[in-house]
PDB file of N, CA and C in Angstrom:
ATOM      1  N   MET A   1     -11.487  -4.335  -9.249  1.00  0.00           N
ATOM      2  CA  MET A   1     -10.570  -4.391  -8.141  1.00  0.00           C
ATOM      3  C   MET A   1      -9.847  -3.048  -8.040  1.00  0.00           C
ATOM      4  N   LYS A   2      -9.897  -2.452  -6.868  1.00  0.00           N
ATOM      5  CA  LYS A   2      -9.203  -1.185  -6.638  1.00  0.00           C
ATOM      6  C   LYS A   2      -7.763  -1.463  -6.225  1.00  0.00           C
ATOM      7  N   LYS A   3      -6.865  -0.561  -6.641  1.00  0.00           N
ATOM      8  CA  LYS A   3      -5.451  -0.700  -6.304  1.00  0.00           C
ATOM      9  C   LYS A   3      -4.935   0.618  -5.738  1.00  0.00           C
ATOM     10  N   CYS A   4      -4.129   0.492  -4.686  1.00  0.00           N
ATOM     11  CA  CYS A   4      -3.611   1.668  -3.991  1.00  0.00           C
ATOM     12  C   CYS A   4      -2.139   1.460  -3.659  1.00  0.00           C
ATOM     13  N   VAL A   5      -1.386   2.532  -3.712  1.00  0.00           N
ATOM     14  CA  VAL A   5      -0.022   2.542  -3.192  1.00  0.00           C
ATOM     15  C   VAL A   5      -0.057   3.355  -1.912  1.00  0.00           C
ATOM     16  N   LEU A   6       0.480   2.778  -0.855  1.00  0.00           N
ATOM     17  CA  LEU A   6       0.602   3.461   0.437  1.00  0.00           C
ATOM     18  C   LEU A   6       2.077   3.373   0.806  1.00  0.00           C
ATOM     19  N   SER A   7       2.785   4.474   0.659  1.00  0.00           N
ATOM     20  CA  SER A   7       4.239   4.453   0.752  1.00  0.00           C
ATOM     21  C   SER A   7       4.771   5.443   1.787  1.00  0.00           C
ATOM     22  N   ASN A   8       5.828   5.029   2.455  1.00  0.00           N
ATOM     23  CA  ASN A   8       6.555   5.941   3.337  1.00  0.00           C
ATOM     24  C   ASN A   8       7.579   6.756   2.540  1.00  0.00           C
ATOM     25  N   GLY A   9       7.547   6.621   1.238  1.00  0.00           N
ATOM     26  CA  GLY A   9       8.462   7.374   0.380  1.00  0.00           C
ATOM     27  C   GLY A   9       8.095   8.845   0.319  1.00  0.00           C
ATOM     28  N   GLN A  10       8.995   9.616  -0.219  1.00  0.00           N
ATOM     29  CA  GLN A  10       8.772  11.049  -0.402  1.00  0.00           C
ATOM     30  C   GLN A  10       8.131  11.262  -1.769  1.00  0.00           C
ATOM     31  N   ARG A  11       6.988  11.952  -1.792  1.00  0.00           N
ATOM     32  CA  ARG A  11       6.277  12.174  -3.055  1.00  0.00           C
ATOM     33  C   ARG A  11       7.186  12.812  -4.105  1.00  0.00           C
ATOM     34  N   VAL A  12       8.006  13.770  -3.704  1.00  0.00           N
ATOM     35  CA  VAL A  12       8.833  14.513  -4.646  1.00  0.00           C
ATOM     36  C   VAL A  12       9.716  13.579  -5.490  1.00  0.00           C
ATOM     37  N   PHE A  13      10.103  12.445  -4.918  1.00  0.00           N
ATOM     38  CA  PHE A  13      10.927  11.486  -5.657  1.00  0.00           C
ATOM     39  C   PHE A  13      10.096  10.326  -6.200  1.00  0.00           C
ATOM     40  N   SER A  14       9.303   9.732  -5.320  1.00  0.00           N
ATOM     41  CA  SER A  14       8.604   8.492  -5.662  1.00  0.00           C
ATOM     42  C   SER A  14       7.546   8.669  -6.748  1.00  0.00           C
ATOM     43  N   GLU A  15       6.817   9.766  -6.717  1.00  0.00           N
ATOM     44  CA  GLU A  15       5.810   9.975  -7.762  1.00  0.00           C
ATOM     45  C   GLU A  15       6.481  10.096  -9.132  1.00  0.00           C
ATOM     46  N   LEU A  16       7.578  10.832  -9.195  1.00  0.00           N
ATOM     47  CA  LEU A  16       8.295  10.968 -10.474  1.00  0.00           C
ATOM     48  C   LEU A  16       8.787   9.620 -10.981  1.00  0.00           C
ATOM     49  N   GLU A  17       9.297   8.787 -10.064  1.00  0.00           N
ATOM     50  CA  GLU A  17       9.759   7.458 -10.459  1.00  0.00           C
ATOM     51  C   GLU A  17       8.599   6.615 -10.982  1.00  0.00           C
ATOM     52  N   MET A  18       7.464   6.653 -10.295  1.00  0.00           N
ATOM     53  CA  MET A  18       6.300   5.883 -10.725  1.00  0.00           C
ATOM     54  C   MET A  18       5.803   6.360 -12.090  1.00  0.00           C
ATOM     55  N   ARG A  19       5.791   7.664 -12.289  1.00  0.00           N
ATOM     56  CA  ARG A  19       5.340   8.198 -13.580  1.00  0.00           C
ATOM     57  C   ARG A  19       6.326   7.830 -14.696  1.00  0.00           C
ATOM     58  N   PHE A  20       7.626   7.908 -14.404  1.00  0.00           N
ATOM     59  CA  PHE A  20       8.643   7.533 -15.377  1.00  0.00           C
ATOM     60  C   PHE A  20       8.477   6.077 -15.808  1.00  0.00           C
ATOM     61  N   LEU A  21       8.152   5.213 -14.855  1.00  0.00           N
ATOM     62  CA  LEU A  21       7.966   3.791 -15.148  1.00  0.00           C
ATOM     63  C   LEU A  21       6.608   3.490 -15.784  1.00  0.00           C
ATOM     64  N   GLY A  22       5.735   4.499 -15.808  1.00  0.00           N
ATOM     65  CA  GLY A  22       4.421   4.320 -16.417  1.00  0.00           C
ATOM     66  C   GLY A  22       3.442   3.534 -15.567  1.00  0.00           C
ATOM     67  N   ILE A  23       3.645   3.521 -14.252  1.00  0.00           N
ATOM     68  CA  ILE A  23       2.757   2.735 -13.384  1.00  0.00           C
ATOM     69  C   ILE A  23       1.831   3.591 -12.521  1.00  0.00           C
ATOM     70  N   TYR A  24       2.121   4.865 -12.400  1.00  0.00           N
ATOM     71  CA  TYR A  24       1.325   5.728 -11.508  1.00  0.00           C
ATOM     72  C   TYR A  24      -0.154   5.679 -11.882  1.00  0.00           C
ATOM     73  N   GLU A  25      -0.448   5.725 -13.157  1.00  0.00           N
ATOM     74  CA  GLU A  25      -1.828   5.783 -13.632  1.00  0.00           C
ATOM     75  C   GLU A  25      -2.595   4.484 -13.433  1.00  0.00           C
ATOM     76  N   HIS A  26      -1.899   3.415 -13.068  1.00  0.00           N
ATOM     77  CA  HIS A  26      -2.554   2.117 -12.879  1.00  0.00           C
ATOM     78  C   HIS A  26      -3.171   1.968 -11.489  1.00  0.00           C
ATOM     79  N   PHE A  27      -3.005   2.975 -10.646  1.00  0.00           N
ATOM     80  CA  PHE A  27      -3.525   2.911  -9.281  1.00  0.00           C
ATOM     81  C   PHE A  27      -4.680   3.892  -9.105  1.00  0.00           C
ATOM     82  N   ASP A  28      -5.662   3.459  -8.322  1.00  0.00           N
ATOM     83  CA  ASP A  28      -6.817   4.305  -8.027  1.00  0.00           C
ATOM     84  C   ASP A  28      -6.461   5.384  -7.014  1.00  0.00           C
ATOM     85  N   LEU A  29      -5.476   5.091  -6.165  1.00  0.00           N
ATOM     86  CA  LEU A  29      -5.068   6.023  -5.113  1.00  0.00           C
ATOM     87  C   LEU A  29      -3.587   5.815  -4.836  1.00  0.00           C
ATOM     88  N   VAL A  30      -2.856   6.915  -4.692  1.00  0.00           N
ATOM     89  CA  VAL A  30      -1.445   6.862  -4.320  1.00  0.00           C
ATOM     90  C   VAL A  30      -1.248   7.829  -3.161  1.00  0.00           C
ATOM     91  N   LEU A  31      -0.855   7.276  -2.018  1.00  0.00           N
ATOM     92  CA  LEU A  31      -0.618   8.087  -0.818  1.00  0.00           C
ATOM     93  C   LEU A  31       0.835   7.959  -0.396  1.00  0.00           C
ATOM     94  N   PHE A  32       1.471   9.089  -0.173  1.00  0.00           N
ATOM     95  CA  PHE A  32       2.843   9.118   0.332  1.00  0.00           C
ATOM     96  C   PHE A  32       2.829   9.737   1.721  1.00  0.00           C
ATOM     97  N   SER A  33       3.532   9.125   2.647  1.00  0.00           N
ATOM     98  CA  SER A  33       3.547   9.633   4.017  1.00  0.00           C
ATOM     99  C   SER A  33       4.096  11.056   4.087  1.00  0.00           C
ATOM    100  N   SER A  34       4.894  11.457   3.106  1.00  0.00           N
ATOM    101  CA  SER A  34       5.445  12.815   3.113  1.00  0.00           C
ATOM    102  C   SER A  34       4.349  13.880   3.007  1.00  0.00           C
ATOM    103  N   ASP A  35       3.131  13.483   2.603  1.00  0.00           N
ATOM    104  CA  ASP A  35       2.013  14.423   2.506  1.00  0.00           C
ATOM    105  C   ASP A  35       1.263  14.585   3.829  1.00  0.00           C
ATOM    106  N   PHE A  36       1.627  13.788   4.829  1.00  0.00           N
ATOM    107  CA  PHE A  36       0.896  13.772   6.095  1.00  0.00           C
ATOM    108  C   PHE A  36       1.868  13.894   7.263  1.00  0.00           C
ATOM    109  N   ARG A  37       1.321  13.963   8.438  1.00  0.00           N
ATOM    110  CA  ARG A  37       2.169  14.069   9.638  1.00  0.00           C
ATOM    111  C   ARG A  37       2.388  12.709  10.295  1.00  0.00           C
ATOM    112  N   TYR A  38       2.098  11.657   9.584  1.00  0.00           N
ATOM    113  CA  TYR A  38       2.282  10.312  10.107  1.00  0.00           C
ATOM    114  C   TYR A  38       2.635   9.368   8.964  1.00  0.00           C
ATOM    115  N   LYS A  39       3.218   8.243   9.330  1.00  0.00           N
ATOM    116  CA  LYS A  39       3.639   7.273   8.329  1.00  0.00           C
ATOM    117  C   LYS A  39       3.387   5.871   8.858  1.00  0.00           C
ATOM    118  N   LYS A  40       3.504   4.901   7.974  1.00  0.00           N
ATOM    119  CA  LYS A  40       3.366   3.514   8.403  1.00  0.00           C
ATOM    120  C   LYS A  40       4.417   3.237   9.465  1.00  0.00           C
ATOM    121  N   PRO A  41       4.104   2.585  10.539  1.00  0.00           N
ATOM    122  CA  PRO A  41       2.931   1.773  10.826  1.00  0.00           C
ATOM    123  C   PRO A  41       1.824   2.493  11.609  1.00  0.00           C
ATOM    124  N   ASN A  42       1.781   3.812  11.616  1.00  0.00           N
ATOM    125  CA  ASN A  42       0.719   4.539  12.305  1.00  0.00           C
ATOM    126  C   ASN A  42      -0.634   4.173  11.681  1.00  0.00           C
ATOM    127  N   PRO A  43      -1.588   3.703  12.475  1.00  0.00           N
ATOM    128  CA  PRO A  43      -2.896   3.300  11.939  1.00  0.00           C
ATOM    129  C   PRO A  43      -3.614   4.399  11.158  1.00  0.00           C
ATOM    130  N   LYS A  44      -3.314   5.657  11.442  1.00  0.00           N
ATOM    131  CA  LYS A  44      -4.009   6.755  10.758  1.00  0.00           C
ATOM    132  C   LYS A  44      -3.827   6.718   9.240  1.00  0.00           C
ATOM    133  N   ILE A  45      -2.644   6.348   8.778  1.00  0.00           N
ATOM    134  CA  ILE A  45      -2.415   6.366   7.334  1.00  0.00           C
ATOM    135  C   ILE A  45      -3.176   5.236   6.639  1.00  0.00           C
ATOM    136  N   TYR A  46      -3.299   4.094   7.309  1.00  0.00           N
ATOM    137  CA  TYR A  46      -4.087   2.993   6.745  1.00  0.00           C
ATOM    138  C   TYR A  46      -5.571   3.369   6.751  1.00  0.00           C
ATOM    139  N   GLN A  47      -6.011   4.001   7.835  1.00  0.00           N
ATOM    140  CA  GLN A  47      -7.415   4.437   7.924  1.00  0.00           C
ATOM    141  C   GLN A  47      -7.735   5.462   6.845  1.00  0.00           C
ATOM    142  N   LEU A  48      -6.803   6.345   6.563  1.00  0.00           N
ATOM    143  CA  LEU A  48      -6.983   7.330   5.500  1.00  0.00           C
ATOM    144  C   LEU A  48      -7.175   6.632   4.153  1.00  0.00           C
ATOM    145  N   ALA A  49      -6.344   5.652   3.880  1.00  0.00           N
ATOM    146  CA  ALA A  49      -6.467   4.913   2.617  1.00  0.00           C
ATOM    147  C   ALA A  49      -7.810   4.190   2.548  1.00  0.00           C
ATOM    148  N   LEU A  50      -8.208   3.547   3.647  1.00  0.00           N
ATOM    149  CA  LEU A  50      -9.507   2.857   3.676  1.00  0.00           C
ATOM    150  C   LEU A  50     -10.641   3.832   3.393  1.00  0.00           C
ATOM    151  N   HIS A  51     -10.592   4.976   4.044  1.00  0.00           N
ATOM    152  CA  HIS A  51     -11.643   5.987   3.870  1.00  0.00           C
ATOM    153  C   HIS A  51     -11.703   6.471   2.419  1.00  0.00           C
ATOM    154  N   ARG A  52     -10.559   6.811   1.868  1.00  0.00           N
ATOM    155  CA  ARG A  52     -10.533   7.343   0.499  1.00  0.00           C
ATOM    156  C   ARG A  52     -10.922   6.286  -0.538  1.00  0.00           C
ATOM    157  N   MET A  53     -10.619   5.034  -0.246  1.00  0.00           N
ATOM    158  CA  MET A  53     -10.972   3.961  -1.178  1.00  0.00           C
ATOM    159  C   MET A  53     -12.394   3.443  -0.931  1.00  0.00           C
ATOM    160  N   GLN A  54     -12.999   3.881   0.170  1.00  0.00           N
ATOM    161  CA  GLN A  54     -14.332   3.447   0.570  1.00  0.00           C
ATOM    162  C   GLN A  54     -14.400   1.924   0.702  1.00  0.00           C
ATOM    163  N   LEU A  55     -13.415   1.398   1.442  1.00  0.00           N
ATOM    164  CA  LEU A  55     -13.334  -0.036   1.678  1.00  0.00           C
ATOM    165  C   LEU A  55     -13.223  -0.322   3.169  1.00  0.00           C
ATOM    166  N   LYS A  56     -13.577  -1.555   3.534  1.00  0.00           N
ATOM    167  CA  LYS A  56     -13.423  -2.023   4.906  1.00  0.00           C
ATOM    168  C   LYS A  56     -12.141  -2.844   4.992  1.00  0.00           C
ATOM    169  N   PRO A  57     -11.549  -2.950   6.187  1.00  0.00           N
ATOM    170  CA  PRO A  57     -10.292  -3.700   6.324  1.00  0.00           C
ATOM    171  C   PRO A  57     -10.346  -5.114   5.747  1.00  0.00           C
ATOM    172  N   ASP A  58     -11.465  -5.807   5.922  1.00  0.00           N
ATOM    173  CA  ASP A  58     -11.526  -7.193   5.434  1.00  0.00           C
ATOM    174  C   ASP A  58     -11.625  -7.289   3.907  1.00  0.00           C
ATOM    175  N   GLU A  59     -11.695  -6.147   3.228  1.00  0.00           N
ATOM    176  CA  GLU A  59     -11.729  -6.120   1.762  1.00  0.00           C
ATOM    177  C   GLU A  59     -10.351  -5.830   1.161  1.00  0.00           C
ATOM    178  N   ILE A  60      -9.342  -5.776   2.012  1.00  0.00           N
ATOM    179  CA  ILE A  60      -7.997  -5.368   1.596  1.00  0.00           C
ATOM    180  C   ILE A  60      -7.016  -6.535   1.627  1.00  0.00           C
ATOM    181  N   LEU A  61      -6.187  -6.612   0.600  1.00  0.00           N
ATOM    182  CA  LEU A  61      -5.004  -7.464   0.613  1.00  0.00           C
ATOM    183  C   LEU A  61      -3.819  -6.520   0.501  1.00  0.00           C
ATOM    184  N   PHE A  62      -3.042  -6.425   1.563  1.00  0.00           N
ATOM    185  CA  PHE A  62      -1.894  -5.520   1.633  1.00  0.00           C
ATOM    186  C   PHE A  62      -0.656  -6.326   1.266  1.00  0.00           C
ATOM    187  N   ILE A  63       0.089  -5.880   0.272  1.00  0.00           N
ATOM    188  CA  ILE A  63       1.317  -6.545  -0.154  1.00  0.00           C
ATOM    189  C   ILE A  63       2.461  -5.581   0.097  1.00  0.00           C
ATOM    190  N   GLY A  64       3.467  -6.036   0.833  1.00  0.00           N
ATOM    191  CA  GLY A  64       4.573  -5.141   1.145  1.00  0.00           C
ATOM    192  C   GLY A  64       5.862  -5.867   1.422  1.00  0.00           C
ATOM    193  N   ASP A  65       6.916  -5.088   1.635  1.00  0.00           N
ATOM    194  CA  ASP A  65       8.245  -5.659   1.832  1.00  0.00           C
ATOM    195  C   ASP A  65       8.785  -5.511   3.245  1.00  0.00           C
ATOM    196  N   THR A  66       8.031  -4.886   4.134  1.00  0.00           N
ATOM    197  CA  THR A  66       8.494  -4.657   5.500  1.00  0.00           C
ATOM    198  C   THR A  66       7.505  -5.268   6.484  1.00  0.00           C
ATOM    199  N   ALA A  67       7.965  -6.164   7.318  1.00  0.00           N
ATOM    200  CA  ALA A  67       7.069  -6.868   8.242  1.00  0.00           C
ATOM    201  C   ALA A  67       6.262  -5.912   9.114  1.00  0.00           C
ATOM    202  N   GLU A  68       6.925  -4.988   9.794  1.00  0.00           N
ATOM    203  CA  GLU A  68       6.215  -4.099  10.720  1.00  0.00           C
ATOM    204  C   GLU A  68       5.204  -3.208   9.997  1.00  0.00           C
ATOM    205  N   ASN A  69       5.607  -2.597   8.911  1.00  0.00           N
ATOM    206  CA  ASN A  69       4.755  -1.624   8.216  1.00  0.00           C
ATOM    207  C   ASN A  69       3.711  -2.258   7.311  1.00  0.00           C
ATOM    208  N   ASP A  70       4.059  -3.359   6.692  1.00  0.00           N
ATOM    209  CA  ASP A  70       3.221  -3.890   5.628  1.00  0.00           C
ATOM    210  C   ASP A  70       2.529  -5.206   5.953  1.00  0.00           C
ATOM    211  N   ILE A  71       2.915  -5.835   7.028  1.00  0.00           N
ATOM    212  CA  ILE A  71       2.308  -7.115   7.380  1.00  0.00           C
ATOM    213  C   ILE A  71       1.638  -7.029   8.754  1.00  0.00           C
ATOM    214  N   ILE A  72       2.412  -6.725   9.776  1.00  0.00           N
ATOM    215  CA  ILE A  72       1.899  -6.720  11.154  1.00  0.00           C
ATOM    216  C   ILE A  72       0.829  -5.653  11.353  1.00  0.00           C
ATOM    217  N   ALA A  73       1.133  -4.409  10.991  1.00  0.00           N
ATOM    218  CA  ALA A  73       0.170  -3.318  11.211  1.00  0.00           C
ATOM    219  C   ALA A  73      -1.138  -3.523  10.443  1.00  0.00           C
ATOM    220  N   PRO A  74      -1.104  -3.852   9.159  1.00  0.00           N
ATOM    221  CA  PRO A  74      -2.374  -4.081   8.458  1.00  0.00           C
ATOM    222  C   PRO A  74      -3.181  -5.245   9.049  1.00  0.00           C
ATOM    223  N   LYS A  75      -2.485  -6.325   9.432  1.00  0.00           N
ATOM    224  CA  LYS A  75      -3.194  -7.469  10.018  1.00  0.00           C
ATOM    225  C   LYS A  75      -3.873  -7.081  11.325  1.00  0.00           C
ATOM    226  N   LYS A  76      -3.213  -6.236  12.130  1.00  0.00           N
ATOM    227  CA  LYS A  76      -3.819  -5.772  13.384  1.00  0.00           C
ATOM    228  C   LYS A  76      -5.118  -5.015  13.124  1.00  0.00           C
ATOM    229  N   MET A  77      -5.232  -4.421  11.940  1.00  0.00           N
ATOM    230  CA  MET A  77      -6.422  -3.643  11.587  1.00  0.00           C
ATOM    231  C   MET A  77      -7.481  -4.487  10.887  1.00  0.00           C
ATOM    232  N   GLY A  78      -7.199  -5.770  10.701  1.00  0.00           N
ATOM    233  CA  GLY A  78      -8.179  -6.665  10.094  1.00  0.00           C
ATOM    234  C   GLY A  78      -8.000  -6.898   8.606  1.00  0.00           C
ATOM    235  N   MET A  79      -6.883  -6.451   8.050  1.00  0.00           N
ATOM    236  CA  MET A  79      -6.605  -6.664   6.630  1.00  0.00           C
ATOM    237  C   MET A  79      -5.856  -7.981   6.442  1.00  0.00           C
ATOM    238  N   LYS A  80      -5.942  -8.518   5.251  1.00  0.00           N
ATOM    239  CA  LYS A  80      -5.085  -9.624   4.876  1.00  0.00           C
ATOM    240  C   LYS A  80      -3.771  -8.984   4.414  1.00  0.00           C
ATOM    241  N   ALA A  81      -2.666  -9.660   4.674  1.00  0.00           N
ATOM    242  CA  ALA A  81      -1.382  -9.087   4.283  1.00  0.00           C
ATOM    243  C   ALA A  81      -0.395 -10.196   3.972  1.00  0.00           C
ATOM    244  N   ILE A  82       0.397  -9.980   2.926  1.00  0.00           N
ATOM    245  CA  ILE A  82       1.452 -10.927   2.577  1.00  0.00           C
ATOM    246  C   ILE A  82       2.721 -10.164   2.216  1.00  0.00           C
ATOM    247  N   HIS A  83       3.830 -10.803   2.506  1.00  0.00           N
ATOM    248  CA  HIS A  83       5.133 -10.236   2.171  1.00  0.00           C
ATOM    249  C   HIS A  83       5.348 -10.339   0.666  1.00  0.00           C
ATOM    250  N   ILE A  84       6.046  -9.402   0.076  1.00  0.00           N
ATOM    251  CA  ILE A  84       6.238  -9.354  -1.370  1.00  0.00           C
ATOM    252  C   ILE A  84       6.818 -10.656  -1.915  1.00  0.00           C
ATOM    253  N   ASN A  85       7.706 -11.298  -1.164  1.00  0.00           N
ATOM    254  CA  ASN A  85       8.260 -12.576  -1.628  1.00  0.00           C
ATOM    255  C   ASN A  85       7.164 -13.626  -1.770  1.00  0.00           C
ATOM    256  N   GLU A  86       6.229 -13.657  -0.796  1.00  0.00           N
ATOM    257  CA  GLU A  86       5.106 -14.578  -0.883  1.00  0.00           C
ATOM    258  C   GLU A  86       4.218 -14.228  -2.068  1.00  0.00           C
ATOM    259  N   ALA A  87       4.034 -12.937  -2.325  1.00  0.00           N
ATOM    260  CA  ALA A  87       3.204 -12.496  -3.436  1.00  0.00           C
ATOM    261  C   ALA A  87       3.784 -12.981  -4.759  1.00  0.00           C
ATOM    262  N   TRP A  88       5.091 -12.846  -4.934  1.00  0.00           N
ATOM    263  CA  TRP A  88       5.725 -13.314  -6.177  1.00  0.00           C
ATOM    264  C   TRP A  88       5.544 -14.807  -6.328  1.00  0.00           C
ATOM    265  N   GLU A  89       5.689 -15.551  -5.219  1.00  0.00           N
ATOM    266  CA  GLU A  89       5.516 -17.001  -5.279  1.00  0.00           C
ATOM    267  C   GLU A  89       4.089 -17.363  -5.674  1.00  0.00           C
ATOM    268  N   GLN A  90       3.098 -16.676  -5.104  1.00  0.00           N
ATOM    269  CA  GLN A  90       1.690 -16.977  -5.363  1.00  0.00           C
ATOM    270  C   GLN A  90       1.238 -16.473  -6.724  1.00  0.00           C
ATOM    271  N   MET A  91       1.778 -15.351  -7.187  1.00  0.00           N
ATOM    272  CA  MET A  91       1.302 -14.728  -8.421  1.00  0.00           C
ATOM    273  C   MET A  91       2.228 -14.993  -9.606  1.00  0.00           C
ATOM    274  N   GLY A  92       3.362 -15.609  -9.362  1.00  0.00           N
ATOM    275  CA  GLY A  92       4.348 -15.810 -10.416  1.00  0.00           C
ATOM    276  C   GLY A  92       3.797 -16.462 -11.665  1.00  0.00           C
ATOM    277  N   ASP A  93       2.955 -17.466 -11.500  1.00  0.00           N
ATOM    278  CA  ASP A  93       2.396 -18.164 -12.657  1.00  0.00           C
ATOM    279  C   ASP A  93       1.380 -17.300 -13.400  1.00  0.00           C
ATOM    280  N   VAL A  94       0.737 -16.377 -12.688  1.00  0.00           N
ATOM    281  CA  VAL A  94      -0.276 -15.519 -13.283  1.00  0.00           C
ATOM    282  C   VAL A  94       0.369 -14.411 -14.091  1.00  0.00           C
ATOM    283  N   LEU A  95       1.464 -13.867 -13.563  1.00  0.00           N
ATOM    284  CA  LEU A  95       2.131 -12.739 -14.221  1.00  0.00           C
ATOM    285  C   LEU A  95       2.919 -13.261 -15.351  1.00  0.00           C
TER     286      LEU A  95
END
């Protein structure tokens, strides 16, 4: 299973935080909108992630905390998407 972070955060801060927490290395791809001229919910950033991960939209489960950026936009592109609260409810017993 491939894992990706697609964040509207600034790499200069967010990457350091992820590395400090020891989670950066657990992802196959980490994309920050600060590296591009567009951010979520612009379809280009999701398409970039799909291309780099070599996946199709129907192979993606997008988990996020913002309805517009992480639920509505990915679903419009054919991805499955759930809000982080739903993810905790569904995965709580597994974690």
